[in-house]
Amino acid sequence: MAIPNYQSIMLPLLQALADGELHPLADLRERLGAHFSLTPDEREEMLPSGNQSVFDNRLGWARTYLKQAGLVDAVRRGVFRITDRGRALLENPPAQITAKFLERYPEFIEFRDRGKGRNKNEPAEAVTTETPDETIEAAYGQLREELVAELRSQLDSVSWRFFERLVIDVLVAMGYGGSRAEAGRAFQKGSDEGIDGTIKEDRLGLDIIYVQAKRWAKGSMV
């Protein structure tokens, strides 16, 4: 089964708290993972940043949205309990709890609009199934891809002299040598218009690395 989005998690999460007892987040994670029949790999699948698992991120935002709507209470760090409002909702539960559904609670609307500077008379933004973290990471990924494409386009047009300096600068930035002047040097232009040169493996210059770089275009080196 695919990892559920945060809106699909909200109702099962509230139901998992229905007994009124205190529930640590770790226990809720295990219970909901079993509820959605997630495999070990699905439970551990990471966001592109690698900072958190997708499931944990979505569970976290589902919990946050329920809390901001007054349906769940954080008793202490990492421990949660259903509120009277949450129990009342479960007496006649909806088919699904969504961000749109939570707009019936003024506290949630205030939370949603907090910090946006949006006029309350303006229409609400379209609700997505992505968490805020996923939206940010997707936008970052798109910008990164566009930047990489632009850099590749620029590198296709630069002179071989600029290209050889750039390669040495990149190696210095990666930690080789000490400074641009100390780290290495490029030799004269080769027949393949790449670079041939040397760079010190460390600041002491105890080992020398011979460098050759080539630009590829349409399946051939230039």
N, C-alpha and C. Protein backbone atom coordinates (compact mmCIF):
# COMPACT_ATOMS: atom_id res chain seq x y z
N MET A 1 0.85 -1.20 0.00
CA MET A 1 0.00 0.00 0.00
C MET A 1 0.87 1.24 0.00
N ALA A 2 0.48 2.24 -0.77
CA ALA A 2 1.24 3.48 -0.81
C ALA A 2 1.14 4.21 0.52
N ILE A 3 2.13 5.02 0.82
CA ILE A 3 2.12 5.80 2.06
C ILE A 3 0.96 6.80 1.99
N PRO A 4 0.05 6.80 2.97
CA PRO A 4 -1.11 7.70 2.92
C PRO A 4 -0.68 9.15 3.10
N ASN A 5 -1.45 10.07 2.48
CA ASN A 5 -1.17 11.48 2.70
C ASN A 5 -1.66 11.89 4.08
N TYR A 6 -1.27 13.08 4.52
CA TYR A 6 -1.56 13.47 5.90
C TYR A 6 -3.05 13.57 6.18
N GLN A 7 -3.86 13.91 5.16
CA GLN A 7 -5.29 14.02 5.39
C GLN A 7 -5.92 12.65 5.61
N SER A 8 -5.40 11.64 4.93
CA SER A 8 -5.91 10.28 5.12
C SER A 8 -5.54 9.71 6.49
N ILE A 9 -4.52 10.29 7.11
CA ILE A 9 -4.07 9.81 8.41
C ILE A 9 -4.90 10.39 9.55
N MET A 10 -5.51 11.55 9.37
CA MET A 10 -6.11 12.26 10.49
C MET A 10 -7.23 11.50 11.19
N LEU A 11 -8.18 10.92 10.45
CA LEU A 11 -9.27 10.21 11.10
C LEU A 11 -8.77 8.95 11.81
N PRO A 12 -7.96 8.08 11.17
CA PRO A 12 -7.43 6.93 11.90
C PRO A 12 -6.61 7.32 13.13
N LEU A 13 -5.91 8.44 13.06
CA LEU A 13 -5.14 8.91 14.21
C LEU A 13 -6.07 9.29 15.35
N LEU A 14 -7.13 10.01 15.04
CA LEU A 14 -8.09 10.39 16.07
C LEU A 14 -8.76 9.15 16.67
N GLN A 15 -9.08 8.19 15.83
CA GLN A 15 -9.70 6.95 16.31
C GLN A 15 -8.75 6.15 17.19
N ALA A 16 -7.45 6.24 16.90
CA ALA A 16 -6.46 5.54 17.72
C ALA A 16 -6.38 6.12 19.12
N LEU A 17 -6.85 7.35 19.27
CA LEU A 17 -6.85 8.02 20.57
C LEU A 17 -8.20 7.96 21.27
N ALA A 18 -9.15 7.26 20.67
CA ALA A 18 -10.54 7.30 21.13
C ALA A 18 -10.74 6.79 22.55
N ASP A 19 -9.82 5.97 23.06
CA ASP A 19 -10.00 5.41 24.40
C ASP A 19 -9.75 6.42 25.51
N GLY A 20 -9.27 7.61 25.15
CA GLY A 20 -9.05 8.65 26.15
C GLY A 20 -7.76 8.50 26.94
N GLU A 21 -6.98 7.46 26.66
CA GLU A 21 -5.72 7.25 27.37
C GLU A 21 -4.60 8.09 26.75
N LEU A 22 -3.49 8.15 27.47
CA LEU A 22 -2.30 8.84 26.96
C LEU A 22 -1.58 7.90 26.00
N HIS A 23 -1.19 8.44 24.84
CA HIS A 23 -0.52 7.62 23.82
C HIS A 23 0.77 8.30 23.37
N PRO A 24 1.92 7.64 23.57
CA PRO A 24 3.18 8.17 23.04
C PRO A 24 3.16 8.14 21.51
N LEU A 25 3.84 9.08 20.91
CA LEU A 25 3.87 9.17 19.45
C LEU A 25 4.44 7.90 18.83
N ALA A 26 5.44 7.30 19.47
CA ALA A 26 6.04 6.09 18.92
C ALA A 26 5.01 4.96 18.81
N ASP A 27 4.13 4.85 19.81
CA ASP A 27 3.10 3.82 19.76
C ASP A 27 2.08 4.11 18.66
N LEU A 28 1.73 5.38 18.51
CA LEU A 28 0.79 5.76 17.45
C LEU A 28 1.39 5.46 16.08
N ARG A 29 2.68 5.70 15.95
CA ARG A 29 3.34 5.42 14.67
C ARG A 29 3.23 3.95 14.32
N GLU A 30 3.48 3.07 15.31
CA GLU A 30 3.40 1.64 15.05
C GLU A 30 1.97 1.22 14.73
N ARG A 31 1.01 1.74 15.48
CA ARG A 31 -0.38 1.37 15.28
C ARG A 31 -0.89 1.80 13.91
N LEU A 32 -0.55 3.01 13.52
CA LEU A 32 -1.03 3.52 12.23
C LEU A 32 -0.27 2.87 11.07
N GLY A 33 0.99 2.55 11.28
CA GLY A 33 1.73 1.83 10.25
C GLY A 33 1.07 0.49 9.96
N ALA A 34 0.63 -0.18 11.04
CA ALA A 34 -0.07 -1.46 10.87
C ALA A 34 -1.45 -1.25 10.24
N HIS A 35 -2.12 -0.17 10.63
CA HIS A 35 -3.45 0.12 10.09
C HIS A 35 -3.39 0.29 8.57
N PHE A 36 -2.35 0.94 8.09
CA PHE A 36 -2.22 1.18 6.65
C PHE A 36 -1.40 0.09 5.95
N SER A 37 -1.07 -0.96 6.68
CA SER A 37 -0.32 -2.10 6.12
C SER A 37 0.96 -1.66 5.42
N LEU A 38 1.68 -0.76 6.04
CA LEU A 38 2.92 -0.27 5.45
C LEU A 38 4.04 -1.28 5.65
N THR A 39 4.84 -1.45 4.63
CA THR A 39 6.00 -2.33 4.72
C THR A 39 7.12 -1.59 5.46
N PRO A 40 8.12 -2.32 5.95
CA PRO A 40 9.26 -1.65 6.59
C PRO A 40 9.91 -0.60 5.69
N ASP A 41 10.01 -0.90 4.39
CA ASP A 41 10.61 0.07 3.47
C ASP A 41 9.75 1.32 3.35
N GLU A 42 8.43 1.15 3.32
CA GLU A 42 7.53 2.31 3.21
C GLU A 42 7.60 3.16 4.49
N ARG A 43 7.74 2.52 5.62
CA ARG A 43 7.83 3.27 6.88
C ARG A 43 9.11 4.08 6.96
N GLU A 44 10.16 3.59 6.31
CA GLU A 44 11.45 4.26 6.41
C GLU A 44 11.80 5.10 5.18
N GLU A 45 10.92 5.16 4.19
CA GLU A 45 11.19 5.98 3.01
C GLU A 45 11.39 7.44 3.42
N MET A 46 12.47 8.04 2.94
CA MET A 46 12.84 9.37 3.40
C MET A 46 12.38 10.47 2.46
N LEU A 47 12.18 11.66 3.02
CA LEU A 47 11.98 12.85 2.20
C LEU A 47 13.26 13.10 1.39
N PRO A 48 13.17 13.85 0.30
CA PRO A 48 14.38 14.11 -0.51
C PRO A 48 15.54 14.69 0.30
N SER A 49 15.24 15.48 1.33
CA SER A 49 16.30 16.07 2.15
C SER A 49 17.00 15.03 3.02
N GLY A 50 16.33 13.89 3.25
CA GLY A 50 16.90 12.86 4.11
C GLY A 50 16.79 13.17 5.58
N ASN A 51 16.05 14.23 5.94
CA ASN A 51 15.96 14.64 7.35
C ASN A 51 14.90 13.88 8.14
N GLN A 52 13.93 13.30 7.45
CA GLN A 52 12.82 12.64 8.15
C GLN A 52 12.14 11.68 7.19
N SER A 53 11.52 10.64 7.74
CA SER A 53 10.80 9.72 6.87
C SER A 53 9.50 10.37 6.40
N VAL A 54 9.03 9.98 5.22
CA VAL A 54 7.80 10.53 4.66
C VAL A 54 6.62 10.25 5.59
N PHE A 55 6.54 9.02 6.10
CA PHE A 55 5.42 8.65 6.97
C PHE A 55 5.44 9.45 8.27
N ASP A 56 6.61 9.60 8.89
CA ASP A 56 6.71 10.38 10.12
C ASP A 56 6.31 11.83 9.87
N ASN A 57 6.73 12.37 8.73
CA ASN A 57 6.40 13.75 8.41
C ASN A 57 4.89 13.94 8.26
N ARG A 58 4.25 13.02 7.54
CA ARG A 58 2.82 13.13 7.32
C ARG A 58 2.03 12.88 8.61
N LEU A 59 2.50 11.93 9.41
CA LEU A 59 1.87 11.68 10.71
C LEU A 59 2.01 12.91 11.61
N GLY A 60 3.17 13.53 11.57
CA GLY A 60 3.40 14.72 12.38
C GLY A 60 2.47 15.86 12.02
N TRP A 61 2.27 16.07 10.73
CA TRP A 61 1.38 17.15 10.31
C TRP A 61 -0.08 16.81 10.58
N ALA A 62 -0.46 15.53 10.46
CA ALA A 62 -1.82 15.12 10.81
C ALA A 62 -2.08 15.42 12.28
N ARG A 63 -1.12 15.09 13.12
CA ARG A 63 -1.23 15.36 14.55
C ARG A 63 -1.32 16.87 14.81
N THR A 64 -0.48 17.64 14.13
CA THR A 64 -0.49 19.09 14.32
C THR A 64 -1.84 19.69 13.94
N TYR A 65 -2.40 19.27 12.80
CA TYR A 65 -3.68 19.81 12.35
C TYR A 65 -4.80 19.46 13.32
N LEU A 66 -4.81 18.22 13.82
CA LEU A 66 -5.84 17.83 14.80
C LEU A 66 -5.68 18.62 16.10
N LYS A 67 -4.46 18.84 16.50
CA LYS A 67 -4.21 19.61 17.73
C LYS A 67 -4.67 21.05 17.56
N GLN A 68 -4.35 21.66 16.42
CA GLN A 68 -4.72 23.05 16.20
C GLN A 68 -6.24 23.22 16.07
N ALA A 69 -6.93 22.16 15.70
CA ALA A 69 -8.40 22.20 15.62
C ALA A 69 -9.05 21.89 16.97
N GLY A 70 -8.24 21.60 17.98
CA GLY A 70 -8.77 21.33 19.30
C GLY A 70 -9.30 19.92 19.48
N LEU A 71 -8.93 18.99 18.59
CA LEU A 71 -9.41 17.62 18.67
C LEU A 71 -8.46 16.72 19.45
N VAL A 72 -7.21 17.13 19.52
CA VAL A 72 -6.16 16.36 20.21
C VAL A 72 -5.39 17.32 21.10
N ASP A 73 -4.95 16.81 22.23
CA ASP A 73 -4.18 17.62 23.17
C ASP A 73 -2.81 17.00 23.37
N ALA A 74 -1.78 17.83 23.36
CA ALA A 74 -0.43 17.36 23.67
C ALA A 74 -0.24 17.48 25.18
N VAL A 75 -0.31 16.36 25.87
CA VAL A 75 -0.21 16.36 27.33
C VAL A 75 1.19 16.74 27.77
N ARG A 76 2.16 16.19 27.10
CA ARG A 76 3.57 16.55 27.27
C ARG A 76 4.27 16.17 25.98
N ARG A 77 5.55 16.46 25.91
CA ARG A 77 6.28 16.25 24.67
C ARG A 77 6.16 14.79 24.20
N GLY A 78 5.62 14.60 22.99
CA GLY A 78 5.54 13.27 22.40
C GLY A 78 4.43 12.40 22.95
N VAL A 79 3.53 12.95 23.77
CA VAL A 79 2.43 12.17 24.35
C VAL A 79 1.12 12.91 24.11
N PHE A 80 0.10 12.18 23.60
CA PHE A 80 -1.13 12.83 23.16
C PHE A 80 -2.37 12.13 23.70
N ARG A 81 -3.47 12.92 23.74
CA ARG A 81 -4.74 12.40 24.22
C ARG A 81 -5.86 13.12 23.48
N ILE A 82 -6.95 12.41 23.24
CA ILE A 82 -8.10 13.02 22.57
C ILE A 82 -8.78 14.01 23.51
N THR A 83 -9.37 15.04 22.96
CA THR A 83 -10.10 16.03 23.76
C THR A 83 -11.59 15.71 23.73
N ASP A 84 -12.35 16.46 24.54
CA ASP A 84 -13.81 16.29 24.53
C ASP A 84 -14.37 16.60 23.15
N ARG A 85 -13.80 17.58 22.48
CA ARG A 85 -14.25 17.91 21.12
C ARG A 85 -13.97 16.76 20.17
N GLY A 86 -12.83 16.14 20.33
CA GLY A 86 -12.49 15.00 19.49
C GLY A 86 -13.42 13.83 19.71
N ARG A 87 -13.74 13.54 20.99
CA ARG A 87 -14.68 12.45 21.29
C ARG A 87 -16.05 12.74 20.71
N ALA A 88 -16.49 14.01 20.79
CA ALA A 88 -17.80 14.38 20.25
C ALA A 88 -17.83 14.16 18.74
N LEU A 89 -16.74 14.46 18.06
CA LEU A 89 -16.69 14.26 16.62
C LEU A 89 -16.80 12.78 16.27
N LEU A 90 -16.16 11.93 17.06
CA LEU A 90 -16.17 10.50 16.76
C LEU A 90 -17.53 9.85 17.03
N GLU A 91 -18.43 10.55 17.73
CA GLU A 91 -19.78 10.01 17.92
C GLU A 91 -20.54 9.95 16.60
N ASN A 92 -20.18 10.85 15.71
CA ASN A 92 -20.77 10.85 14.36
C ASN A 92 -19.67 11.25 13.38
N PRO A 93 -18.71 10.36 13.15
CA PRO A 93 -17.51 10.74 12.39
C PRO A 93 -17.78 10.92 10.90
N PRO A 94 -17.02 11.81 10.26
CA PRO A 94 -17.11 11.95 8.81
C PRO A 94 -16.41 10.79 8.13
N ALA A 95 -16.60 10.67 6.84
CA ALA A 95 -15.90 9.62 6.09
C ALA A 95 -14.39 9.85 6.11
N GLN A 96 -14.01 11.11 6.16
CA GLN A 96 -12.58 11.47 6.21
C GLN A 96 -12.45 12.84 6.84
N ILE A 97 -11.42 13.03 7.63
CA ILE A 97 -11.09 14.36 8.15
C ILE A 97 -10.07 14.98 7.22
N THR A 98 -10.40 16.12 6.66
CA THR A 98 -9.50 16.84 5.76
C THR A 98 -9.24 18.23 6.32
N ALA A 99 -8.27 18.92 5.71
CA ALA A 99 -8.00 20.29 6.13
C ALA A 99 -9.23 21.17 5.90
N LYS A 100 -9.96 20.90 4.83
CA LYS A 100 -11.18 21.65 4.56
C LYS A 100 -12.22 21.40 5.65
N PHE A 101 -12.35 20.15 6.08
CA PHE A 101 -13.30 19.81 7.14
C PHE A 101 -12.96 20.56 8.43
N LEU A 102 -11.67 20.71 8.73
CA LEU A 102 -11.24 21.35 9.97
C LEU A 102 -11.52 22.85 10.00
N GLU A 103 -11.90 23.42 8.86
CA GLU A 103 -12.20 24.85 8.82
C GLU A 103 -13.45 25.21 9.62
N ARG A 104 -14.18 24.21 10.10
CA ARG A 104 -15.34 24.49 10.96
C ARG A 104 -14.92 24.94 12.35
N TYR A 105 -13.64 24.76 12.65
CA TYR A 105 -13.13 25.15 13.96
C TYR A 105 -12.33 26.46 13.84
N PRO A 106 -12.77 27.52 14.53
CA PRO A 106 -12.08 28.83 14.41
C PRO A 106 -10.60 28.75 14.75
N GLU A 107 -10.24 27.91 15.72
CA GLU A 107 -8.83 27.81 16.10
C GLU A 107 -7.97 27.31 14.94
N PHE A 108 -8.53 26.42 14.14
CA PHE A 108 -7.77 25.90 13.00
C PHE A 108 -7.60 26.98 11.93
N ILE A 109 -8.65 27.74 11.68
CA ILE A 109 -8.56 28.82 10.69
C ILE A 109 -7.51 29.83 11.12
N GLU A 110 -7.48 30.16 12.41
CA GLU A 110 -6.49 31.09 12.93
C GLU A 110 -5.08 30.54 12.74
N PHE A 111 -4.91 29.25 13.02
CA PHE A 111 -3.61 28.60 12.84
C PHE A 111 -3.19 28.63 11.37
N ARG A 112 -4.13 28.30 10.48
CA ARG A 112 -3.84 28.25 9.05
C ARG A 112 -3.41 29.61 8.51
N ASP A 113 -4.06 30.65 8.99
CA ASP A 113 -3.80 31.99 8.46
C ASP A 113 -2.68 32.71 9.19
N ARG A 114 -2.24 32.15 10.30
CA ARG A 114 -1.24 32.82 11.13
C ARG A 114 0.05 33.07 10.35
N GLY A 115 0.50 34.28 10.37
CA GLY A 115 1.77 34.61 9.74
C GLY A 115 1.72 34.81 8.24
N LYS A 116 0.55 34.58 7.62
CA LYS A 116 0.46 34.73 6.17
C LYS A 116 0.13 36.16 5.76
N GLY A 117 -0.43 36.93 6.70
CA GLY A 117 -0.81 38.29 6.37
C GLY A 117 -1.96 38.34 5.38
N ARG A 118 -2.77 37.28 5.37
CA ARG A 118 -3.88 37.24 4.41
C ARG A 118 -5.12 37.85 5.01
N ASN A 119 -5.80 38.66 4.22
CA ASN A 119 -7.07 39.24 4.64
C ASN A 119 -8.10 38.13 4.81
N LYS A 120 -8.82 38.14 5.92
CA LYS A 120 -9.78 37.08 6.20
C LYS A 120 -10.91 37.03 5.18
N ASN A 121 -11.11 38.13 4.46
CA ASN A 121 -12.16 38.15 3.45
C ASN A 121 -11.71 37.56 2.13
N GLU A 122 -10.40 37.31 2.00
CA GLU A 122 -9.89 36.72 0.78
C GLU A 122 -10.19 35.22 0.78
N PRO A 123 -10.34 34.62 -0.41
CA PRO A 123 -10.59 33.18 -0.45
C PRO A 123 -9.38 32.41 0.06
N ALA A 124 -9.63 31.26 0.68
CA ALA A 124 -8.54 30.43 1.20
C ALA A 124 -7.76 29.81 0.05
N GLU A 125 -6.50 29.52 0.32
CA GLU A 125 -5.67 28.87 -0.68
C GLU A 125 -6.17 27.45 -0.93
N ALA A 126 -5.89 26.95 -2.10
CA ALA A 126 -6.29 25.59 -2.42
C ALA A 126 -5.57 24.61 -1.51
N VAL A 127 -6.29 23.62 -1.01
CA VAL A 127 -5.73 22.63 -0.11
C VAL A 127 -5.11 21.51 -0.93
N THR A 128 -3.88 21.15 -0.59
CA THR A 128 -3.20 20.05 -1.28
C THR A 128 -3.06 18.87 -0.33
N THR A 129 -2.71 17.73 -0.86
CA THR A 129 -2.47 16.56 -0.03
C THR A 129 -1.04 16.49 0.45
N GLU A 130 -0.20 17.43 0.05
CA GLU A 130 1.18 17.46 0.49
C GLU A 130 1.28 18.19 1.82
N THR A 131 2.21 17.77 2.66
CA THR A 131 2.50 18.53 3.87
C THR A 131 3.30 19.77 3.48
N PRO A 132 3.34 20.78 4.35
CA PRO A 132 4.17 21.95 4.05
C PRO A 132 5.63 21.59 3.75
N ASP A 133 6.17 20.62 4.48
CA ASP A 133 7.56 20.20 4.22
C ASP A 133 7.71 19.62 2.83
N GLU A 134 6.75 18.81 2.41
CA GLU A 134 6.82 18.21 1.09
C GLU A 134 6.70 19.26 0.00
N THR A 135 5.84 20.26 0.22
CA THR A 135 5.68 21.34 -0.76
C THR A 135 6.99 22.11 -0.92
N ILE A 136 7.63 22.42 0.21
CA ILE A 136 8.90 23.15 0.18
C ILE A 136 9.98 22.33 -0.52
N GLU A 137 10.07 21.04 -0.19
CA GLU A 137 11.10 20.20 -0.78
C GLU A 137 10.88 19.99 -2.27
N ALA A 138 9.60 19.90 -2.68
CA ALA A 138 9.31 19.76 -4.10
C ALA A 138 9.73 21.01 -4.86
N ALA A 139 9.43 22.19 -4.27
CA ALA A 139 9.83 23.45 -4.91
C ALA A 139 11.35 23.57 -4.97
N TYR A 140 12.01 23.16 -3.89
CA TYR A 140 13.47 23.20 -3.88
C TYR A 140 14.04 22.28 -4.96
N GLY A 141 13.45 21.08 -5.07
CA GLY A 141 13.92 20.13 -6.06
C GLY A 141 13.78 20.67 -7.48
N GLN A 142 12.66 21.33 -7.74
CA GLN A 142 12.44 21.90 -9.08
C GLN A 142 13.44 23.01 -9.36
N LEU A 143 13.65 23.89 -8.38
CA LEU A 143 14.62 24.98 -8.56
C LEU A 143 16.02 24.42 -8.78
N ARG A 144 16.36 23.35 -8.04
CA ARG A 144 17.68 22.75 -8.18
C ARG A 144 17.87 22.16 -9.58
N GLU A 145 16.83 21.49 -10.09
CA GLU A 145 16.92 20.91 -11.43
C GLU A 145 17.09 22.01 -12.48
N GLU A 146 16.35 23.12 -12.31
CA GLU A 146 16.46 24.22 -13.25
C GLU A 146 17.86 24.84 -13.19
N LEU A 147 18.41 24.96 -11.98
CA LEU A 147 19.75 25.53 -11.83
C LEU A 147 20.79 24.62 -12.47
N VAL A 148 20.67 23.31 -12.26
CA VAL A 148 21.61 22.36 -12.86
C VAL A 148 21.56 22.45 -14.38
N ALA A 149 20.34 22.53 -14.94
CA ALA A 149 20.20 22.63 -16.39
C ALA A 149 20.84 23.91 -16.92
N GLU A 150 20.65 25.02 -16.17
CA GLU A 150 21.24 26.29 -16.59
C GLU A 150 22.76 26.24 -16.52
N LEU A 151 23.30 25.65 -15.46
CA LEU A 151 24.75 25.55 -15.33
C LEU A 151 25.35 24.68 -16.43
N ARG A 152 24.67 23.59 -16.75
CA ARG A 152 25.17 22.73 -17.83
C ARG A 152 25.17 23.47 -19.15
N SER A 153 24.13 24.27 -19.36
CA SER A 153 24.06 25.04 -20.60
C SER A 153 25.21 26.05 -20.66
N GLN A 154 25.49 26.69 -19.52
CA GLN A 154 26.57 27.67 -19.48
C GLN A 154 27.93 27.00 -19.70
N LEU A 155 28.12 25.82 -19.10
CA LEU A 155 29.40 25.13 -19.23
C LEU A 155 29.66 24.67 -20.66
N ASP A 156 28.59 24.44 -21.40
CA ASP A 156 28.76 24.02 -22.80
C ASP A 156 29.35 25.14 -23.65
N SER A 157 29.22 26.39 -23.17
CA SER A 157 29.62 27.52 -24.01
C SER A 157 30.90 28.22 -23.55
N VAL A 158 31.44 27.83 -22.38
CA VAL A 158 32.61 28.54 -21.88
C VAL A 158 33.87 28.06 -22.59
N SER A 159 34.91 28.87 -22.50
CA SER A 159 36.19 28.51 -23.13
C SER A 159 36.87 27.40 -22.33
N TRP A 160 37.83 26.73 -22.99
CA TRP A 160 38.54 25.66 -22.29
C TRP A 160 39.36 26.20 -21.13
N ARG A 161 39.87 27.45 -21.24
CA ARG A 161 40.63 28.03 -20.14
C ARG A 161 39.75 28.24 -18.90
N PHE A 162 38.55 28.77 -19.11
CA PHE A 162 37.62 28.97 -17.99
C PHE A 162 37.24 27.61 -17.39
N PHE A 163 37.02 26.63 -18.27
CA PHE A 163 36.60 25.31 -17.80
C PHE A 163 37.68 24.68 -16.92
N GLU A 164 38.95 24.79 -17.31
CA GLU A 164 40.01 24.17 -16.52
C GLU A 164 40.15 24.87 -15.18
N ARG A 165 39.99 26.20 -15.13
CA ARG A 165 40.04 26.90 -13.85
C ARG A 165 38.87 26.48 -12.96
N LEU A 166 37.71 26.31 -13.58
CA LEU A 166 36.51 25.94 -12.83
C LEU A 166 36.68 24.56 -12.17
N VAL A 167 37.24 23.63 -12.90
CA VAL A 167 37.42 22.29 -12.35
C VAL A 167 38.35 22.34 -11.14
N ILE A 168 39.45 23.08 -11.24
CA ILE A 168 40.37 23.21 -10.11
C ILE A 168 39.66 23.88 -8.93
N ASP A 169 38.87 24.92 -9.18
CA ASP A 169 38.15 25.62 -8.11
C ASP A 169 37.17 24.69 -7.41
N VAL A 170 36.50 23.83 -8.17
CA VAL A 170 35.56 22.88 -7.58
C VAL A 170 36.29 21.90 -6.67
N LEU A 171 37.44 21.42 -7.11
CA LEU A 171 38.22 20.48 -6.30
C LEU A 171 38.71 21.14 -5.02
N VAL A 172 39.10 22.41 -5.10
CA VAL A 172 39.52 23.14 -3.90
C VAL A 172 38.34 23.27 -2.94
N ALA A 173 37.17 23.59 -3.47
CA ALA A 173 35.98 23.74 -2.65
C ALA A 173 35.60 22.42 -1.97
N MET A 174 35.98 21.30 -2.59
CA MET A 174 35.70 19.98 -2.02
C MET A 174 36.68 19.62 -0.91
N GLY A 175 37.72 20.44 -0.73
CA GLY A 175 38.64 20.21 0.38
C GLY A 175 40.04 19.80 0.00
N TYR A 176 40.34 19.72 -1.28
CA TYR A 176 41.69 19.35 -1.70
C TYR A 176 42.61 20.56 -1.56
N GLY A 177 43.86 20.31 -1.15
CA GLY A 177 44.83 21.39 -1.06
C GLY A 177 44.46 22.39 0.02
N GLY A 178 45.01 23.57 -0.04
CA GLY A 178 44.72 24.60 0.95
C GLY A 178 43.97 25.75 0.35
N SER A 179 44.54 26.37 -0.65
CA SER A 179 43.90 27.49 -1.33
C SER A 179 43.96 27.24 -2.83
N ARG A 180 43.34 28.11 -3.58
CA ARG A 180 43.36 27.97 -5.05
C ARG A 180 44.79 27.95 -5.58
N ALA A 181 45.65 28.81 -5.01
CA ALA A 181 47.03 28.89 -5.49
C ALA A 181 47.84 27.67 -5.04
N GLU A 182 47.55 27.16 -3.82
CA GLU A 182 48.33 26.06 -3.28
C GLU A 182 47.87 24.69 -3.76
N ALA A 183 46.59 24.59 -4.11
CA ALA A 183 46.00 23.28 -4.33
C ALA A 183 46.49 22.61 -5.61
N GLY A 184 46.48 23.34 -6.69
CA GLY A 184 46.85 22.67 -7.93
C GLY A 184 46.97 23.64 -9.08
N ARG A 185 47.31 23.10 -10.22
CA ARG A 185 47.44 23.93 -11.41
C ARG A 185 47.02 23.13 -12.63
N ALA A 186 46.61 23.81 -13.65
CA ALA A 186 46.21 23.17 -14.90
C ALA A 186 47.32 23.35 -15.92
N PHE A 187 47.52 22.36 -16.74
CA PHE A 187 48.52 22.44 -17.79
C PHE A 187 47.94 23.14 -19.01
N GLN A 188 48.71 23.20 -20.04
CA GLN A 188 48.25 23.87 -21.25
C GLN A 188 47.16 23.07 -21.93
N LYS A 189 46.49 23.71 -22.83
CA LYS A 189 45.35 23.12 -23.53
C LYS A 189 45.73 21.80 -24.18
N GLY A 190 44.86 20.79 -23.98
CA GLY A 190 45.07 19.49 -24.60
C GLY A 190 44.24 19.37 -25.85
N SER A 191 44.43 18.28 -26.55
CA SER A 191 43.72 18.10 -27.81
C SER A 191 42.23 17.88 -27.63
N ASP A 192 41.82 17.44 -26.42
CA ASP A 192 40.41 17.16 -26.24
C ASP A 192 39.66 18.33 -25.61
N GLU A 193 40.34 19.46 -25.43
CA GLU A 193 39.75 20.67 -24.86
C GLU A 193 39.24 20.46 -23.44
N GLY A 194 39.72 19.41 -22.76
CA GLY A 194 39.41 19.24 -21.36
C GLY A 194 40.50 19.89 -20.56
N ILE A 195 40.85 19.35 -19.40
CA ILE A 195 41.99 19.88 -18.68
C ILE A 195 42.87 18.73 -18.22
N ASP A 196 44.13 18.97 -18.13
CA ASP A 196 45.08 18.05 -17.56
C ASP A 196 45.90 18.87 -16.58
N GLY A 197 45.95 18.42 -15.34
CA GLY A 197 46.68 19.18 -14.34
C GLY A 197 46.90 18.36 -13.10
N THR A 198 47.37 19.01 -12.04
CA THR A 198 47.62 18.32 -10.78
C THR A 198 46.94 19.08 -9.65
N ILE A 199 46.65 18.36 -8.58
CA ILE A 199 46.10 19.01 -7.39
C ILE A 199 46.61 18.26 -6.18
N LYS A 200 46.90 18.98 -5.11
CA LYS A 200 47.37 18.37 -3.89
C LYS A 200 46.21 17.68 -3.18
N GLU A 201 46.46 16.48 -2.69
CA GLU A 201 45.38 15.75 -2.01
C GLU A 201 45.05 16.37 -0.67
N ASP A 202 46.00 17.04 -0.04
CA ASP A 202 45.77 17.66 1.27
C ASP A 202 46.58 18.94 1.36
N ARG A 203 46.44 19.63 2.48
CA ARG A 203 47.12 20.92 2.65
C ARG A 203 48.64 20.78 2.67
N LEU A 204 49.12 19.64 3.14
CA LEU A 204 50.57 19.45 3.21
C LEU A 204 51.17 19.11 1.86
N GLY A 205 50.36 18.70 0.94
CA GLY A 205 50.87 18.37 -0.38
C GLY A 205 51.69 17.11 -0.43
N LEU A 206 51.40 16.17 0.48
CA LEU A 206 52.16 14.93 0.52
C LEU A 206 51.86 14.03 -0.66
N ASP A 207 50.66 14.14 -1.18
CA ASP A 207 50.27 13.34 -2.34
C ASP A 207 49.73 14.25 -3.43
N ILE A 208 50.06 13.93 -4.65
CA ILE A 208 49.61 14.71 -5.80
C ILE A 208 48.64 13.87 -6.63
N ILE A 209 47.51 14.48 -7.00
CA ILE A 209 46.53 13.81 -7.85
C ILE A 209 46.60 14.42 -9.24
N TYR A 210 46.67 13.56 -10.25
CA TYR A 210 46.65 14.04 -11.62
C TYR A 210 45.21 14.09 -12.11
N VAL A 211 44.84 15.24 -12.63
CA VAL A 211 43.45 15.49 -12.96
C VAL A 211 43.25 15.58 -14.47
N GLN A 212 42.21 14.91 -14.94
CA GLN A 212 41.81 15.09 -16.33
C GLN A 212 40.29 15.18 -16.35
N ALA A 213 39.77 16.23 -16.94
CA ALA A 213 38.32 16.40 -17.02
C ALA A 213 37.90 16.59 -18.46
N LYS A 214 36.74 16.08 -18.77
CA LYS A 214 36.24 16.18 -20.15
C LYS A 214 34.79 16.63 -20.12
N ARG A 215 34.42 17.40 -21.11
CA ARG A 215 33.02 17.78 -21.28
C ARG A 215 32.37 16.86 -22.28
N TRP A 216 31.16 16.43 -21.94
CA TRP A 216 30.42 15.52 -22.83
C TRP A 216 29.29 16.25 -23.48
N ALA A 217 29.10 16.03 -24.74
CA ALA A 217 27.98 16.64 -25.47
C ALA A 217 27.50 15.69 -26.55
N LYS A 218 26.21 15.35 -26.48
CA LYS A 218 25.59 14.49 -27.47
C LYS A 218 26.37 13.19 -27.68
N GLY A 219 26.78 12.59 -26.55
CA GLY A 219 27.41 11.29 -26.60
C GLY A 219 28.89 11.31 -26.98
N SER A 220 29.49 12.50 -27.12
CA SER A 220 30.90 12.56 -27.45
C SER A 220 31.59 13.57 -26.56
N MET A 221 32.90 13.45 -26.41
CA MET A 221 33.67 14.38 -25.58
C MET A 221 34.04 15.60 -26.38
N VAL A 222 33.99 16.76 -25.71
CA VAL A 222 34.45 18.00 -26.34
C VAL A 222 35.45 18.68 -25.44
